[in-house]
Amino acid sequence: MKLEIVTPDAVVYSEDVHMVTLPAIEGQIGVYPMHIPLLTQIVPGEIIVQKDGRESYLAVGEGVVEVTATRVAIVTDMAIPSDHIDEAKVEEARQRAAARLQDKISDEEVATINASLARSLAQLHVKRRRHS
């Protein structure tokens, strides 16, 4: 089946794969070819792609996914392969966001910072778990 992951900046992934595991709002979902049609929301976390007997990992942000029998299409605000994650840079961003939450800020700023924090935590989880 074809996996396509698109962010506002680029097409991050577009290849035929054997299976995809993704962090849906309902919980982790595994998708094989011939899956029933599904449209759902994804949350910050880890996408696991199985292709040619190997697994690859991406940190993903919020977005939507459409599953058909032959295709998984993901539109998200962030998708970064684990080998492109700079752990020190992400940890620094996480610390800045956590510190900013201590300030007196508007509800809108809190929501923005929490979203940034969730993306940072997803990247750190993928990077630290994979040690790549």
C-alpha atoms as a PDB file:
ATOM      1  CA  MET A   1       0.000   0.000   0.000  1.00  0.00           C
ATOM      2  CA  LYS A   2       1.108   3.578  -0.577  1.00  0.00           C
ATOM      3  CA  LEU A   3       2.019   5.742   2.442  1.00  0.00           C
ATOM      4  CA  GLU A   4       2.034   9.506   1.940  1.00  0.00           C
ATOM      5  CA  ILE A   5       2.912  11.925   4.726  1.00  0.00           C
ATOM      6  CA  VAL A   6       2.525  15.623   3.944  1.00  0.00           C
ATOM      7  CA  THR A   7       3.384  18.655   6.108  1.00  0.00           C
ATOM      8  CA  PRO A   8       2.929  22.342   5.282  1.00  0.00           C
ATOM      9  CA  ASP A   9       6.593  22.375   4.184  1.00  0.00           C
ATOM     10  CA  ALA A  10       6.982  19.227   2.100  1.00  0.00           C
ATOM     11  CA  VAL A  11       6.015  15.704   1.178  1.00  0.00           C
ATOM     12  CA  VAL A  12       7.953  13.912   3.921  1.00  0.00           C
ATOM     13  CA  TYR A  13       7.258  10.332   2.840  1.00  0.00           C
ATOM     14  CA  SER A  14       5.764   8.772  -0.277  1.00  0.00           C
ATOM     15  CA  GLU A  15       6.511   5.066  -0.756  1.00  0.00           C
ATOM     16  CA  ASP A  16       4.918   1.654  -0.934  1.00  0.00           C
ATOM     17  CA  VAL A  17       5.010  -0.041   2.491  1.00  0.00           C
ATOM     18  CA  HIS A  18       3.920  -3.291   4.127  1.00  0.00           C
ATOM     19  CA  MET A  19       2.371  -1.825   7.301  1.00  0.00           C
ATOM     20  CA  VAL A  20       2.007   1.469   9.182  1.00  0.00           C
ATOM     21  CA  THR A  21       1.441   1.971  12.905  1.00  0.00           C
ATOM     22  CA  LEU A  22       0.242   5.447  13.877  1.00  0.00           C
ATOM     23  CA  PRO A  23      -0.897   7.368  16.968  1.00  0.00           C
ATOM     24  CA  ALA A  24      -4.605   7.982  16.402  1.00  0.00           C
ATOM     25  CA  ILE A  25      -6.817   9.907  18.783  1.00  0.00           C
ATOM     26  CA  GLU A  26      -8.491   6.591  19.720  1.00  0.00           C
ATOM     27  CA  GLY A  27      -5.113   4.937  20.406  1.00  0.00           C
ATOM     28  CA  GLN A  28      -2.398   3.291  18.367  1.00  0.00           C
ATOM     29  CA  ILE A  29      -3.636   1.849  15.050  1.00  0.00           C
ATOM     30  CA  GLY A  30      -1.919  -0.682  12.802  1.00  0.00           C
ATOM     31  CA  VAL A  31      -2.803  -0.510   9.118  1.00  0.00           C
ATOM     32  CA  TYR A  32      -2.193  -3.290   6.590  1.00  0.00           C
ATOM     33  CA  PRO A  33      -3.178  -3.327   2.912  1.00  0.00           C
ATOM     34  CA  MET A  34      -6.916  -3.870   2.366  1.00  0.00           C
ATOM     35  CA  HIS A  35      -7.792  -2.031   5.599  1.00  0.00           C
ATOM     36  CA  ILE A  36     -11.357  -0.791   5.838  1.00  0.00           C
ATOM     37  CA  PRO A  37     -11.803   2.890   4.915  1.00  0.00           C
ATOM     38  CA  LEU A  38     -11.095   5.167   7.863  1.00  0.00           C
ATOM     39  CA  LEU A  39     -10.770   8.894   8.476  1.00  0.00           C
ATOM     40  CA  THR A  40      -9.394   9.879  11.882  1.00  0.00           C
ATOM     41  CA  GLN A  41      -7.253  12.339  13.757  1.00  0.00           C
ATOM     42  CA  ILE A  42      -3.646  11.662  14.738  1.00  0.00           C
ATOM     43  CA  VAL A  43      -1.942  12.989  17.853  1.00  0.00           C
ATOM     44  CA  PRO A  44       1.720  13.756  18.540  1.00  0.00           C
ATOM     45  CA  GLY A  45       3.640  10.513  18.779  1.00  0.00           C
ATOM     46  CA  GLU A  46       5.444   7.898  16.712  1.00  0.00           C
ATOM     47  CA  ILE A  47       4.746   6.443  13.285  1.00  0.00           C
ATOM     48  CA  ILE A  48       6.308   3.044  12.625  1.00  0.00           C
ATOM     49  CA  VAL A  49       6.702   2.091   8.967  1.00  0.00           C
ATOM     50  CA  GLN A  50       7.399  -1.516   7.947  1.00  0.00           C
ATOM     51  CA  LYS A  51       8.953  -1.874   4.518  1.00  0.00           C
ATOM     52  CA  ASP A  52      11.178  -4.565   3.017  1.00  0.00           C
ATOM     53  CA  GLY A  53      11.462  -6.377   6.352  1.00  0.00           C
ATOM     54  CA  ARG A  54      12.743  -3.259   8.183  1.00  0.00           C
ATOM     55  CA  GLU A  55      11.136  -0.670  10.401  1.00  0.00           C
ATOM     56  CA  SER A  56      11.642   3.074  10.217  1.00  0.00           C
ATOM     57  CA  TYR A  57      10.357   5.636  12.683  1.00  0.00           C
ATOM     58  CA  LEU A  58       9.036   9.174  12.444  1.00  0.00           C
ATOM     59  CA  ALA A  59       7.973  11.665  15.092  1.00  0.00           C
ATOM     60  CA  VAL A  60       4.618  13.119  14.097  1.00  0.00           C
ATOM     61  CA  GLY A  61       2.493  16.026  15.282  1.00  0.00           C
ATOM     62  CA  GLU A  62      -1.245  16.592  15.067  1.00  0.00           C
ATOM     63  CA  GLY A  63      -3.132  15.956  11.880  1.00  0.00           C
ATOM     64  CA  VAL A  64      -5.562  13.776  10.000  1.00  0.00           C
ATOM     65  CA  VAL A  65      -5.207  10.419   8.309  1.00  0.00           C
ATOM     66  CA  GLU A  66      -7.269   8.846   5.572  1.00  0.00           C
ATOM     67  CA  VAL A  67      -6.985   5.095   5.131  1.00  0.00           C
ATOM     68  CA  THR A  68      -8.248   3.177   2.112  1.00  0.00           C
ATOM     69  CA  ALA A  69      -7.566  -0.387   0.987  1.00  0.00           C
ATOM     70  CA  THR A  70      -4.496   0.721  -0.971  1.00  0.00           C
ATOM     71  CA  ARG A  71      -3.380   4.011   0.598  1.00  0.00           C
ATOM     72  CA  VAL A  72      -2.633   5.791   3.890  1.00  0.00           C
ATOM     73  CA  ALA A  73      -2.578   9.578   3.502  1.00  0.00           C
ATOM     74  CA  ILE A  74      -1.438  11.674   6.467  1.00  0.00           C
ATOM     75  CA  VAL A  75      -1.569  15.463   6.637  1.00  0.00           C
ATOM     76  CA  THR A  76       0.231  16.741   9.742  1.00  0.00           C
ATOM     77  CA  ASP A  77       1.934  19.811  11.172  1.00  0.00           C
ATOM     78  CA  MET A  78       5.166  17.840  11.765  1.00  0.00           C
ATOM     79  CA  ALA A  79       6.768  14.618  10.559  1.00  0.00           C
ATOM     80  CA  ILE A  80      10.470  14.022  11.199  1.00  0.00           C
ATOM     81  CA  PRO A  81      12.380  10.788  10.563  1.00  0.00           C
ATOM     82  CA  SER A  82      14.147   9.633  13.740  1.00  0.00           C
ATOM     83  CA  ASP A  83      17.592  10.018  12.176  1.00  0.00           C
ATOM     84  CA  HIS A  84      16.888  13.719  11.496  1.00  0.00           C
ATOM     85  CA  ILE A  85      15.973  14.574  15.099  1.00  0.00           C
ATOM     86  CA  ASP A  86      18.548  16.694  16.939  1.00  0.00           C
ATOM     87  CA  GLU A  87      17.989  15.573  20.526  1.00  0.00           C
ATOM     88  CA  ALA A  88      19.868  18.484  22.147  1.00  0.00           C
ATOM     89  CA  LYS A  89      17.972  21.071  20.093  1.00  0.00           C
ATOM     90  CA  VAL A  90      14.610  19.466  20.822  1.00  0.00           C
ATOM     91  CA  GLU A  91      15.372  19.173  24.551  1.00  0.00           C
ATOM     92  CA  GLU A  92      16.252  22.875  24.593  1.00  0.00           C
ATOM     93  CA  ALA A  93      12.933  23.737  22.884  1.00  0.00           C
ATOM     94  CA  ARG A  94      11.068  21.549  25.383  1.00  0.00           C
ATOM     95  CA  GLN A  95      12.718  23.333  28.306  1.00  0.00           C
ATOM     96  CA  ARG A  96      11.915  26.759  26.827  1.00  0.00           C
ATOM     97  CA  ALA A  97       8.271  25.793  26.351  1.00  0.00           C
ATOM     98  CA  ALA A  98       7.997  24.387  29.882  1.00  0.00           C
ATOM     99  CA  ALA A  99       9.571  27.543  31.328  1.00  0.00           C
ATOM    100  CA  ARG A 100       7.251  29.763  29.267  1.00  0.00           C
ATOM    101  CA  LEU A 101       4.237  28.000  30.769  1.00  0.00           C
ATOM    102  CA  GLN A 102       5.312  29.344  34.181  1.00  0.00           C
ATOM    103  CA  ASP A 103       4.788  32.940  32.967  1.00  0.00           C
ATOM    104  CA  LYS A 104       1.454  34.743  33.026  1.00  0.00           C
ATOM    105  CA  ILE A 105       0.256  34.263  29.483  1.00  0.00           C
ATOM    106  CA  SER A 106      -3.056  34.193  27.641  1.00  0.00           C
ATOM    107  CA  ASP A 107      -5.069  31.016  27.109  1.00  0.00           C
ATOM    108  CA  GLU A 108      -4.197  31.196  23.410  1.00  0.00           C
ATOM    109  CA  GLU A 109      -0.464  31.299  24.203  1.00  0.00           C
ATOM    110  CA  VAL A 110      -0.887  28.364  26.600  1.00  0.00           C
ATOM    111  CA  ALA A 111      -2.523  26.318  23.820  1.00  0.00           C
ATOM    112  CA  THR A 112       0.250  27.203  21.358  1.00  0.00           C
ATOM    113  CA  ILE A 113       2.982  26.361  23.853  1.00  0.00           C
ATOM    114  CA  ASN A 114       1.290  23.092  24.832  1.00  0.00           C
ATOM    115  CA  ALA A 115       1.131  22.097  21.157  1.00  0.00           C
ATOM    116  CA  SER A 116       4.836  22.933  20.766  1.00  0.00           C
ATOM    117  CA  LEU A 117       5.618  20.973  23.915  1.00  0.00           C
ATOM    118  CA  ALA A 118       3.692  17.936  22.621  1.00  0.00           C
ATOM    119  CA  ARG A 119       5.651  18.002  19.343  1.00  0.00           C
ATOM    120  CA  SER A 120       8.956  18.255  21.249  1.00  0.00           C
ATOM    121  CA  LEU A 121       8.019  15.373  23.542  1.00  0.00           C
ATOM    122  CA  ALA A 122       7.041  13.215  20.541  1.00  0.00           C
ATOM    123  CA  GLN A 123      10.432  13.835  18.941  1.00  0.00           C
ATOM    124  CA  LEU A 124      12.304  13.096  22.172  1.00  0.00           C
ATOM    125  CA  HIS A 125      10.317   9.889  22.673  1.00  0.00           C
ATOM    126  CA  VAL A 126      11.135   8.640  19.174  1.00  0.00           C
ATOM    127  CA  LYS A 127      14.792   9.666  19.333  1.00  0.00           C
ATOM    128  CA  ARG A 128      15.484   8.299  22.806  1.00  0.00           C
ATOM    129  CA  ARG A 129      13.600   5.077  22.211  1.00  0.00           C
ATOM    130  CA  ARG A 130      15.424   4.379  18.968  1.00  0.00           C
ATOM    131  CA  HIS A 131      18.876   5.635  20.062  1.00  0.00           C
ATOM    132  CA  SER A 132      19.666   6.646  16.506  1.00  0.00           C
END
